[in-house]
C-alpha atoms as a PDB file:
ATOM      1  CA  GLN A   1     -15.583   4.915  10.758  1.00  0.00           C
ATOM      2  CA  VAL A   2     -12.624   4.507   8.405  1.00  0.00           C
ATOM      3  CA  GLN A   3     -12.575   2.465   5.321  1.00  0.00           C
ATOM      4  CA  LEU A   4      -9.375   1.559   3.009  1.00  0.00           C
ATOM      5  CA  VAL A   5     -10.420   0.271  -0.382  1.00  0.00           C
ATOM      6  CA  GLU A   6      -7.714  -1.099  -2.614  1.00  0.00           C
ATOM      7  CA  SER A   7      -7.772  -1.844  -6.289  1.00  0.00           C
ATOM      8  CA  GLY A   8      -5.373  -2.613  -9.205  1.00  0.00           C
ATOM      9  CA  GLY A   9      -4.358  -6.229  -8.278  1.00  0.00           C
ATOM     10  CA  GLY A  10      -4.448  -9.159 -10.965  1.00  0.00           C
ATOM     11  CA  LEU A  11      -2.541 -11.491 -12.928  1.00  0.00           C
ATOM     12  CA  VAL A  12       0.554 -10.273 -14.792  1.00  0.00           C
ATOM     13  CA  GLN A  13       3.358 -12.025 -16.703  1.00  0.00           C
ATOM     14  CA  THR A  14       7.163 -11.812 -15.444  1.00  0.00           C
ATOM     15  CA  GLY A  15       8.444  -8.484 -16.313  1.00  0.00           C
ATOM     16  CA  GLY A  16       5.190  -6.868 -16.455  1.00  0.00           C
ATOM     17  CA  SER A  17       3.913  -3.942 -14.534  1.00  0.00           C
ATOM     18  CA  LEU A  18       0.729  -3.193 -12.263  1.00  0.00           C
ATOM     19  CA  ARG A  19      -0.398  -0.228 -10.288  1.00  0.00           C
ATOM     20  CA  LEU A  20      -2.063  -0.481  -6.937  1.00  0.00           C
ATOM     21  CA  SER A  21      -4.597   2.372  -5.444  1.00  0.00           C
ATOM     22  CA  CYS A  22      -5.896   2.600  -2.170  1.00  0.00           C
ATOM     23  CA  THR A  23      -8.200   5.363  -1.009  1.00  0.00           C
ATOM     24  CA  ALA A  24      -9.088   6.048   2.647  1.00  0.00           C
ATOM     25  CA  SER A  25     -12.381   7.479   3.380  1.00  0.00           C
ATOM     26  CA  GLY A  26     -14.676   8.100   6.569  1.00  0.00           C
ATOM     27  CA  ASN A  27     -13.866   9.921   9.711  1.00  0.00           C
ATOM     28  CA  ILE A  28     -10.446  11.151   9.007  1.00  0.00           C
ATOM     29  CA  TYR A  29      -8.737  14.189  10.395  1.00  0.00           C
ATOM     30  CA  THR A  30      -4.945  13.542   8.987  1.00  0.00           C
ATOM     31  CA  ILE A  31      -3.093  10.842   7.661  1.00  0.00           C
ATOM     32  CA  HIS A  32       0.391  10.329   8.722  1.00  0.00           C
ATOM     33  CA  VAL A  33       1.821   7.405   7.018  1.00  0.00           C
ATOM     34  CA  MET A  34       0.458   5.279   4.460  1.00  0.00           C
ATOM     35  CA  GLY A  35       1.967   2.113   2.926  1.00  0.00           C
ATOM     36  CA  TRP A  36       1.735  -1.174   1.307  1.00  0.00           C
ATOM     37  CA  TYR A  37       2.570  -4.513   2.787  1.00  0.00           C
ATOM     38  CA  ARG A  38       2.376  -7.945   1.245  1.00  0.00           C
ATOM     39  CA  GLN A  39       1.648 -11.583   2.536  1.00  0.00           C
ATOM     40  CA  ALA A  40       2.744 -14.614   0.335  1.00  0.00           C
ATOM     41  CA  PRO A  41       1.486 -18.066   1.059  1.00  0.00           C
ATOM     42  CA  GLY A  42       3.231 -19.445   4.133  1.00  0.00           C
ATOM     43  CA  LYS A  43       5.125 -16.208   5.019  1.00  0.00           C
ATOM     44  CA  GLN A  44       4.816 -13.427   7.425  1.00  0.00           C
ATOM     45  CA  ARG A  45       3.279 -10.093   6.235  1.00  0.00           C
ATOM     46  CA  GLU A  46       6.094  -7.643   5.256  1.00  0.00           C
ATOM     47  CA  LEU A  47       6.432  -4.125   4.361  1.00  0.00           C
ATOM     48  CA  VAL A  48       6.812  -3.176   0.859  1.00  0.00           C
ATOM     49  CA  ALA A  49       6.611   0.399   0.891  1.00  0.00           C
ATOM     50  CA  ALA A  50       5.397   3.474   2.984  1.00  0.00           C
ATOM     51  CA  ILE A  51       5.131   7.250   2.552  1.00  0.00           C
ATOM     52  CA  THR A  52       4.611  10.101   4.958  1.00  0.00           C
ATOM     53  CA  SER A  53       2.285  12.851   4.414  1.00  0.00           C
ATOM     54  CA  SER A  54       5.317  14.944   3.469  1.00  0.00           C
ATOM     55  CA  GLY A  55       6.450  12.527   0.943  1.00  0.00           C
ATOM     56  CA  SER A  56       9.366  10.679   2.524  1.00  0.00           C
ATOM     57  CA  THR A  57       9.670   7.068   1.372  1.00  0.00           C
ATOM     58  CA  ASN A  58      10.781   4.002   2.602  1.00  0.00           C
ATOM     59  CA  TYR A  59      11.313   0.732   0.637  1.00  0.00           C
ATOM     60  CA  ALA A  60      11.915  -2.747   1.133  1.00  0.00           C
ATOM     61  CA  ASP A  61      15.345  -3.914  -0.371  1.00  0.00           C
ATOM     62  CA  SER A  62      13.740  -6.372  -2.640  1.00  0.00           C
ATOM     63  CA  VAL A  63      11.617  -3.765  -4.289  1.00  0.00           C
ATOM     64  CA  LYS A  64      14.190  -0.726  -4.410  1.00  0.00           C
ATOM     65  CA  GLY A  65      14.386   0.345  -8.180  1.00  0.00           C
ATOM     66  CA  ARG A  66      11.399  -1.576  -9.370  1.00  0.00           C
ATOM     67  CA  PHE A  67       8.395  -0.066  -7.043  1.00  0.00           C
ATOM     68  CA  THR A  68       7.455   3.350  -6.677  1.00  0.00           C
ATOM     69  CA  ILE A  69       5.029   4.561  -4.091  1.00  0.00           C
ATOM     70  CA  SER A  70       3.160   7.957  -4.273  1.00  0.00           C
ATOM     71  CA  ARG A  71       0.537   9.710  -2.353  1.00  0.00           C
ATOM     72  CA  ASP A  72      -2.310  12.382  -3.258  1.00  0.00           C
ATOM     73  CA  ASN A  73      -2.917  13.890  -0.054  1.00  0.00           C
ATOM     74  CA  ALA A  74      -6.148  15.824  -1.143  1.00  0.00           C
ATOM     75  CA  ARG A  75      -7.490  12.430  -2.236  1.00  0.00           C
ATOM     76  CA  ASN A  76      -6.284  10.334   0.725  1.00  0.00           C
ATOM     77  CA  THR A  77      -5.045   8.135  -1.796  1.00  0.00           C
ATOM     78  CA  VAL A  78      -1.762   6.183  -1.905  1.00  0.00           C
ATOM     79  CA  TYR A  79      -0.507   4.215  -5.105  1.00  0.00           C
ATOM     80  CA  LEU A  80       2.119   1.579  -5.763  1.00  0.00           C
ATOM     81  CA  GLN A  81       3.500   1.447  -9.333  1.00  0.00           C
ATOM     82  CA  MET A  82       5.030  -1.837  -9.551  1.00  0.00           C
ATOM     83  CA  ASN A  83       7.636  -2.749 -12.421  1.00  0.00           C
ATOM     84  CA  SER A  84       9.611  -5.524 -13.313  1.00  0.00           C
ATOM     85  CA  LEU A  85       7.542  -7.963 -11.364  1.00  0.00           C
ATOM     86  CA  ASN A  86       8.613 -11.650 -10.891  1.00  0.00           C
ATOM     87  CA  SER A  87       7.283 -14.602  -9.077  1.00  0.00           C
ATOM     88  CA  GLU A  88       8.466 -13.693  -5.652  1.00  0.00           C
ATOM     89  CA  ASP A  89       6.212 -10.511  -6.012  1.00  0.00           C
ATOM     90  CA  THR A  90       3.143 -12.896  -5.823  1.00  0.00           C
ATOM     91  CA  ALA A  91       1.224 -12.199  -2.660  1.00  0.00           C
ATOM     92  CA  VAL A  92      -1.781 -10.197  -1.327  1.00  0.00           C
ATOM     93  CA  TYR A  93      -1.118  -6.632  -1.094  1.00  0.00           C
ATOM     94  CA  TYR A  94      -2.638  -4.784   1.720  1.00  0.00           C
ATOM     95  CA  CYS A  95      -2.883  -1.001   2.113  1.00  0.00           C
ATOM     96  CA  ASN A  96      -2.208   0.405   5.795  1.00  0.00           C
ATOM     97  CA  ALA A  97      -2.663   3.869   7.082  1.00  0.00           C
ATOM     98  CA  ASN A  98      -1.897   5.610  10.221  1.00  0.00           C
ATOM     99  CA  ILE A  99      -4.850   7.982  10.900  1.00  0.00           C
ATOM    100  CA  ARG A 100      -5.912  10.581  13.393  1.00  0.00           C
ATOM    101  CA  VAL A 101      -9.679  10.392  13.380  1.00  0.00           C
ATOM    102  CA  GLY A 102     -10.277  13.783  15.143  1.00  0.00           C
ATOM    103  CA  PRO A 103      -8.475  17.072  16.287  1.00  0.00           C
ATOM    104  CA  SER A 104      -8.896  16.013  19.994  1.00  0.00           C
ATOM    105  CA  GLU A 105      -7.567  12.660  19.482  1.00  0.00           C
ATOM    106  CA  ARG A 106      -4.356  12.098  21.259  1.00  0.00           C
ATOM    107  CA  PHE A 107      -3.112   9.065  19.073  1.00  0.00           C
ATOM    108  CA  ASN A 108      -3.035   7.647  15.653  1.00  0.00           C
ATOM    109  CA  TYR A 109      -4.480   4.297  14.763  1.00  0.00           C
ATOM    110  CA  ASP A 110      -3.605   1.769  11.924  1.00  0.00           C
ATOM    111  CA  TYR A 111      -6.155   0.839   9.609  1.00  0.00           C
ATOM    112  CA  TRP A 112      -6.075  -1.926   6.918  1.00  0.00           C
ATOM    113  CA  GLY A 113      -7.601  -2.464   3.544  1.00  0.00           C
ATOM    114  CA  GLN A 114      -9.184  -5.950   2.624  1.00  0.00           C
ATOM    115  CA  GLY A 115      -6.228  -6.898   0.400  1.00  0.00           C
ATOM    116  CA  THR A 116      -5.706  -7.303  -3.221  1.00  0.00           C
ATOM    117  CA  GLN A 117      -4.116 -10.392  -4.825  1.00  0.00           C
ATOM    118  CA  VAL A 118      -1.143  -9.865  -7.303  1.00  0.00           C
ATOM    119  CA  THR A 119      -0.013 -12.894  -9.298  1.00  0.00           C
ATOM    120  CA  VAL A 120       2.871 -13.080 -11.328  1.00  0.00           C
ATOM    121  CA  SER A 121       3.239 -15.915 -13.788  1.00  0.00           C
ATOM    122  CA  SER A 122       6.358 -17.065 -15.768  1.00  0.00           C
END
């Protein structure tokens, strides 16, 4: 079994910062991509940022220059540093990891965290 546990969400004022963390545990052989998605009320879930095991990153246009994703491969942990937050960043943030659970597995599978609420108040 694989679990992703997120932490770091909360309430912050406009212009403030938060740092999200997500650690994967369980039956893990390798993790390819780790990322953060978010879903605001009445909207579809969207990609915020992603990072590969080699450190290549991808960001949504709306967060470029404000958010930074990083990763500690030894700890199977991904971070999201969020700066200059505004009301449009209010959402539930979900961690995602693309994981191979064993050396004989042919495929990787996507796993999700339970979500952490980020609320930005004006």
